[in-house]
N, C-alpha and C. Protein backbone atom coordinates (compact mmCIF):
# COMPACT_ATOMS: atom_id res chain seq x y z
N MET A 1 10.14 75.68 -24.29
CA MET A 1 10.21 74.81 -25.44
C MET A 1 9.86 75.92 -26.91
N ASP A 2 11.15 76.32 -27.38
CA ASP A 2 10.94 77.04 -28.25
C ASP A 2 11.55 76.26 -29.90
N ARG A 3 11.20 75.10 -30.16
CA ARG A 3 11.51 74.50 -31.07
C ARG A 3 10.54 74.12 -31.49
N GLU A 4 10.37 73.91 -33.00
CA GLU A 4 9.24 73.31 -34.26
C GLU A 4 8.92 72.04 -33.55
N TRP A 5 7.76 71.67 -33.92
CA TRP A 5 7.33 70.42 -33.38
C TRP A 5 7.93 69.43 -34.54
N GLY A 6 8.33 68.22 -34.01
CA GLY A 6 9.20 66.92 -35.00
C GLY A 6 10.71 67.65 -35.33
N SER A 7 11.17 68.60 -34.79
CA SER A 7 12.83 68.74 -35.22
C SER A 7 13.35 68.34 -33.98
N LYS A 8 14.52 68.18 -34.27
CA LYS A 8 15.40 67.64 -32.87
C LYS A 8 15.99 69.40 -32.63
N PRO A 9 16.56 68.97 -31.40
CA PRO A 9 17.99 70.29 -31.04
C PRO A 9 18.85 70.51 -31.74
N GLY A 10 19.30 71.50 -32.91
CA GLY A 10 20.35 71.37 -33.33
C GLY A 10 20.30 71.03 -34.86
N SER A 11 18.86 70.40 -35.39
CA SER A 11 18.90 70.07 -36.37
C SER A 11 18.40 71.06 -37.37
N GLY A 12 18.04 72.23 -36.95
CA GLY A 12 17.58 73.36 -38.04
C GLY A 12 16.24 73.45 -38.37
N GLY A 13 15.61 72.77 -37.35
CA GLY A 13 14.04 73.10 -37.48
C GLY A 13 13.61 71.72 -38.73
N ALA A 14 12.05 71.49 -38.79
CA ALA A 14 11.59 70.84 -39.31
C ALA A 14 12.00 71.07 -40.85
N ALA A 15 12.05 70.09 -41.57
CA ALA A 15 11.88 70.46 -43.20
C ALA A 15 10.34 70.49 -43.45
N SER A 16 9.76 71.62 -44.42
CA SER A 16 8.60 71.83 -44.82
C SER A 16 8.31 70.28 -46.12
N ALA A 17 7.02 70.42 -46.16
CA ALA A 17 6.70 69.16 -47.05
C ALA A 17 7.22 69.57 -48.59
N GLN A 18 7.08 70.95 -48.67
CA GLN A 18 7.60 71.32 -50.09
C GLN A 18 8.93 71.25 -50.33
N ASN A 19 9.87 71.17 -49.26
CA ASN A 19 11.40 71.10 -49.18
C ASN A 19 11.46 69.56 -49.64
N GLU A 20 10.91 68.75 -48.90
CA GLU A 20 11.01 67.21 -48.92
C GLU A 20 10.47 66.79 -50.32
N ALA A 21 9.58 67.23 -50.68
CA ALA A 21 9.00 66.79 -52.02
C ALA A 21 9.99 67.24 -53.27
N ILE A 22 10.52 68.37 -53.17
CA ILE A 22 11.66 69.02 -54.21
C ILE A 22 13.34 68.33 -53.99
N ASP A 23 13.48 67.85 -52.98
CA ASP A 23 14.41 67.17 -52.74
C ASP A 23 14.06 65.51 -53.28
N ARG A 24 13.09 65.00 -52.93
CA ARG A 24 12.93 63.51 -53.42
C ARG A 24 12.75 63.60 -54.90
N ARG A 25 12.12 64.65 -55.40
CA ARG A 25 12.14 64.42 -56.77
C ARG A 25 13.44 64.79 -57.43
N GLU A 26 14.07 65.56 -56.94
CA GLU A 26 15.55 65.78 -57.51
C GLU A 26 16.64 64.53 -57.16
N ARG A 27 16.25 63.75 -56.06
CA ARG A 27 17.07 62.51 -56.15
C ARG A 27 16.37 61.72 -56.90
N LEU A 28 15.37 61.27 -57.17
CA LEU A 28 14.80 60.63 -57.92
C LEU A 28 15.45 60.90 -59.36
N ARG A 29 15.09 62.00 -59.95
CA ARG A 29 15.55 62.30 -61.14
C ARG A 29 16.86 62.01 -61.64
N ARG A 30 17.99 62.08 -60.23
CA ARG A 30 19.24 61.95 -60.70
C ARG A 30 19.95 60.57 -60.62
N LEU A 31 18.91 59.48 -59.83
CA LEU A 31 18.63 57.93 -59.87
C LEU A 31 18.35 57.68 -61.22
N ALA A 32 17.30 58.07 -61.90
CA ALA A 32 16.88 57.64 -63.19
C ALA A 32 17.92 58.33 -64.17
N LEU A 33 18.40 59.28 -64.35
CA LEU A 33 19.47 59.81 -65.21
C LEU A 33 20.99 58.78 -65.45
N GLU A 34 20.80 58.18 -64.39
CA GLU A 34 22.39 57.45 -64.16
C GLU A 34 21.74 56.06 -64.78
N THR A 35 20.54 55.79 -64.80
CA THR A 35 20.48 54.17 -65.43
C THR A 35 19.90 54.23 -66.61
N ILE A 36 19.06 55.68 -67.20
CA ILE A 36 18.70 55.74 -68.60
C ILE A 36 18.97 56.79 -69.36
N ASP A 37 19.53 56.88 -70.43
CA ASP A 37 20.25 57.73 -71.27
C ASP A 37 18.89 58.22 -71.96
N LEU A 38 18.65 59.67 -71.86
CA LEU A 38 17.53 60.29 -72.55
C LEU A 38 18.14 60.58 -73.72
N ALA A 39 19.39 60.84 -74.24
CA ALA A 39 19.90 61.26 -75.53
C ALA A 39 19.54 60.06 -76.39
N LYS A 40 19.69 58.99 -76.10
CA LYS A 40 19.35 57.50 -76.80
C LYS A 40 17.81 57.37 -76.81
N ASP A 41 17.21 57.92 -76.34
CA ASP A 41 15.59 57.48 -76.40
C ASP A 41 14.89 58.02 -77.58
N PRO A 42 14.45 57.25 -78.50
CA PRO A 42 14.14 58.01 -79.64
C PRO A 42 12.23 58.80 -79.43
N TYR A 43 11.89 58.49 -78.77
CA TYR A 43 10.45 59.15 -78.32
C TYR A 43 10.79 60.47 -77.46
N PHE A 44 11.80 60.66 -76.74
CA PHE A 44 12.13 61.95 -76.23
C PHE A 44 12.57 63.13 -76.93
N MET A 45 11.45 64.20 -76.71
CA MET A 45 11.84 65.25 -77.47
C MET A 45 11.47 66.29 -76.47
N ARG A 46 12.46 67.64 -76.19
CA ARG A 46 12.06 69.09 -75.74
C ARG A 46 11.69 70.03 -76.74
N ASN A 47 10.65 70.46 -76.30
CA ASN A 47 10.13 71.47 -76.93
C ASN A 47 10.44 72.87 -77.03
N HIS A 48 10.02 73.52 -77.66
CA HIS A 48 10.51 75.36 -77.50
C HIS A 48 10.27 75.92 -76.42
N LEU A 49 9.12 75.24 -75.42
CA LEU A 49 8.31 75.95 -74.38
C LEU A 49 9.11 75.44 -72.89
N GLY A 50 10.05 74.43 -73.27
CA GLY A 50 11.00 74.10 -72.22
C GLY A 50 10.14 72.78 -71.50
N SER A 51 9.10 72.16 -72.16
CA SER A 51 8.56 71.16 -71.54
C SER A 51 9.18 69.98 -72.32
N TYR A 52 8.65 68.72 -71.59
CA TYR A 52 8.91 67.04 -72.69
C TYR A 52 7.93 66.65 -73.28
N GLU A 53 8.34 66.25 -74.59
CA GLU A 53 7.08 65.48 -75.39
C GLU A 53 7.46 63.82 -75.24
N CYS A 54 6.60 62.95 -75.43
CA CYS A 54 6.58 61.78 -75.79
C CYS A 54 6.35 61.52 -77.32
N LYS A 55 7.32 61.57 -78.22
CA LYS A 55 6.16 61.38 -79.57
C LYS A 55 5.83 60.14 -79.94
N LEU A 56 5.68 59.22 -79.23
CA LEU A 56 5.01 57.78 -79.36
C LEU A 56 3.73 58.29 -78.82
N CYS A 57 3.59 58.58 -77.61
CA CYS A 57 2.38 58.64 -76.90
C CYS A 57 1.54 60.10 -77.45
N LEU A 58 2.28 61.28 -77.72
CA LEU A 58 2.28 62.50 -78.08
C LEU A 58 1.24 63.32 -76.28
N THR A 59 2.21 63.08 -75.41
CA THR A 59 2.12 63.56 -73.85
C THR A 59 2.88 64.34 -73.75
N LEU A 60 2.75 65.53 -72.98
CA LEU A 60 3.47 66.54 -72.74
C LEU A 60 4.09 66.45 -71.12
N HIS A 61 5.24 66.64 -70.57
CA HIS A 61 5.57 66.28 -69.45
C HIS A 61 6.34 67.57 -68.75
N ASN A 62 6.30 67.86 -67.64
CA ASN A 62 7.13 68.99 -67.12
C ASN A 62 8.42 68.96 -66.99
N ASN A 63 8.71 67.95 -66.47
CA ASN A 63 10.27 67.63 -66.16
C ASN A 63 10.53 66.13 -66.51
N GLU A 64 12.28 66.21 -66.73
CA GLU A 64 12.38 64.99 -67.00
C GLU A 64 11.88 63.59 -66.07
N GLY A 65 11.83 63.73 -64.71
CA GLY A 65 11.23 62.69 -63.74
C GLY A 65 9.73 62.16 -64.11
N ASN A 66 9.02 63.56 -64.47
CA ASN A 66 7.88 63.31 -65.39
C ASN A 66 7.81 62.15 -66.14
N TYR A 67 8.58 62.79 -67.41
CA TYR A 67 8.71 61.60 -68.09
C TYR A 67 9.49 60.41 -68.06
N LEU A 68 10.32 60.23 -67.07
CA LEU A 68 10.61 58.81 -67.29
C LEU A 68 9.55 58.10 -66.61
N ALA A 69 8.99 58.77 -65.62
CA ALA A 69 7.73 57.97 -64.96
C ALA A 69 6.70 57.34 -65.66
N HIS A 70 6.79 58.11 -66.98
CA HIS A 70 5.47 57.94 -68.01
C HIS A 70 6.17 56.73 -68.73
N THR A 71 7.48 56.68 -69.15
CA THR A 71 8.28 55.57 -70.02
C THR A 71 7.98 54.45 -69.16
N GLN A 72 7.83 54.28 -67.80
CA GLN A 72 7.37 53.10 -67.05
C GLN A 72 5.93 52.58 -66.93
N GLY A 73 5.11 53.78 -67.39
CA GLY A 73 3.47 53.42 -67.09
C GLY A 73 3.21 52.86 -68.09
N LYS A 74 1.84 52.44 -68.00
CA LYS A 74 0.60 51.82 -68.96
C LYS A 74 0.85 51.94 -70.05
N ARG A 75 0.32 53.47 -69.96
CA ARG A 75 0.13 53.97 -71.39
C ARG A 75 1.36 53.65 -72.54
N HIS A 76 2.32 54.12 -72.14
CA HIS A 76 3.83 54.08 -72.61
C HIS A 76 3.97 52.56 -73.18
N GLN A 77 3.82 51.66 -72.22
CA GLN A 77 4.30 50.34 -72.64
C GLN A 77 3.37 49.73 -73.68
N THR A 78 2.02 50.28 -73.67
CA THR A 78 1.16 49.35 -74.60
C THR A 78 1.17 49.81 -75.94
N ASN A 79 1.42 51.34 -75.75
CA ASN A 79 1.81 51.78 -77.42
C ASN A 79 3.15 51.56 -77.82
N LEU A 80 4.42 50.85 -77.04
CA LEU A 80 5.59 50.15 -77.11
C LEU A 80 5.09 49.26 -77.94
N ALA A 81 4.28 48.06 -77.24
CA ALA A 81 3.80 46.69 -77.77
C ALA A 81 3.48 46.87 -79.51
N LYS A 82 2.22 47.81 -79.29
CA LYS A 82 1.72 48.07 -80.47
C LYS A 82 2.55 48.70 -81.47
N ARG A 83 3.55 49.17 -81.39
CA ARG A 83 4.26 49.74 -82.89
C ARG A 83 4.94 48.56 -82.88
N ALA A 84 5.85 47.87 -81.95
CA ALA A 84 6.38 46.47 -82.46
C ALA A 84 5.63 45.83 -83.22
N ALA A 85 4.50 45.37 -83.02
CA ALA A 85 3.45 44.31 -83.44
C ALA A 85 3.30 45.08 -84.86
N ARG A 86 2.59 46.47 -85.14
CA ARG A 86 2.66 46.67 -86.50
C ARG A 86 3.89 46.54 -86.95
N GLU A 87 5.07 47.11 -86.72
CA GLU A 87 6.41 46.68 -87.51
C GLU A 87 6.82 45.77 -87.95
N ALA A 88 6.72 44.30 -86.96
CA ALA A 88 6.76 43.25 -87.22
C ALA A 88 5.55 42.91 -88.28
N LYS A 89 4.30 43.39 -88.23
CA LYS A 89 3.39 43.21 -89.36
C LYS A 89 3.83 43.27 -90.71
N ASP A 90 4.34 44.63 -90.49
CA ASP A 90 4.57 45.30 -91.92
C ASP A 90 5.69 45.18 -92.56
N ALA A 91 6.76 44.34 -91.85
CA ALA A 91 8.04 44.06 -92.18
C ALA A 91 7.56 42.99 -93.09
N PRO A 92 8.61 42.85 -94.47
CA PRO A 92 8.08 41.70 -95.51
C PRO A 92 8.99 40.93 -94.92
N ALA A 93 8.61 39.35 -95.29
CA ALA A 93 9.36 38.34 -95.27
C ALA A 93 10.57 38.27 -95.94
N LEU A 94 11.27 38.72 -95.67
CA LEU A 94 12.57 38.21 -96.73
C LEU A 94 13.02 36.69 -96.89
N PRO A 95 13.09 36.27 -98.44
CA PRO A 95 13.56 35.09 -98.18
C PRO A 95 14.90 34.57 -97.83
N GLN A 96 15.08 33.45 -97.36
CA GLN A 96 16.82 33.46 -97.08
C GLN A 96 17.56 33.01 -98.45
N PRO A 97 18.29 33.56 -98.43
CA PRO A 97 19.19 33.39 -100.09
C PRO A 97 19.81 32.07 -99.90
N ASN A 98 19.50 31.10 -101.14
CA ASN A 98 20.40 30.32 -101.43
C ASN A 98 21.75 30.12 -101.24
N LYS A 99 22.31 29.02 -100.61
CA LYS A 99 23.92 29.07 -100.42
C LYS A 99 24.14 28.18 -101.98
N ARG A 100 24.95 28.98 -102.50
CA ARG A 100 25.92 27.98 -103.58
C ARG A 100 26.71 27.13 -103.72
N LYS A 101 26.30 26.11 -104.26
CA LYS A 101 27.22 24.66 -103.73
C LYS A 101 28.57 25.06 -104.56
N SER A 102 29.61 24.70 -104.31
CA SER A 102 30.85 24.66 -104.96
C SER A 102 30.94 23.71 -106.08
N LYS A 103 31.64 23.66 -107.02
CA LYS A 103 31.82 22.76 -107.64
C LYS A 103 32.50 21.71 -107.42
N LEU A 104 33.92 22.33 -106.66
CA LEU A 104 34.85 21.78 -106.08
C LEU A 104 34.75 20.94 -104.69
N ALA A 105 33.02 21.33 -104.14
CA ALA A 105 32.90 20.21 -102.90
C ALA A 105 32.58 18.80 -103.00
N GLY A 106 32.17 18.58 -104.62
CA GLY A 106 31.76 16.96 -104.50
C GLY A 106 33.23 16.33 -104.84
N LEU A 107 34.31 17.11 -105.31
CA LEU A 107 35.42 16.02 -105.62
C LEU A 107 36.00 15.94 -104.24
N VAL A 108 36.93 14.55 -104.48
CA VAL A 108 37.91 14.11 -103.22
C VAL A 108 39.00 13.98 -103.88
N THR A 109 39.75 14.52 -103.45
CA THR A 109 41.55 14.52 -103.92
C THR A 109 41.88 13.61 -102.87
N GLY A 110 42.83 12.59 -103.55
CA GLY A 110 43.18 11.73 -102.36
C GLY A 110 44.95 11.20 -102.57
């Protein structure tokens, strides 16, 4: 038996854990980018070092997948809720404009 443990004949050998992790990360990144457009995300920013930042939470991320995982996490979601509550409180309640009644509305022609 001159084959590696866990591999089948003709399969090219067992994949290392590192290769499996790389493939899984890339597959998840592609899947996430299909559903979420980072260009429209107001909090996503790429810095001059090549890493990614969340401007809402002030967190640094090494890759897009890590940032996308962060956006689904508890910290980001609570910061979004806090910001929405603060903006709702700060926005002044605008009075509804009064509708002007037409002088002709009361006249009945017959």
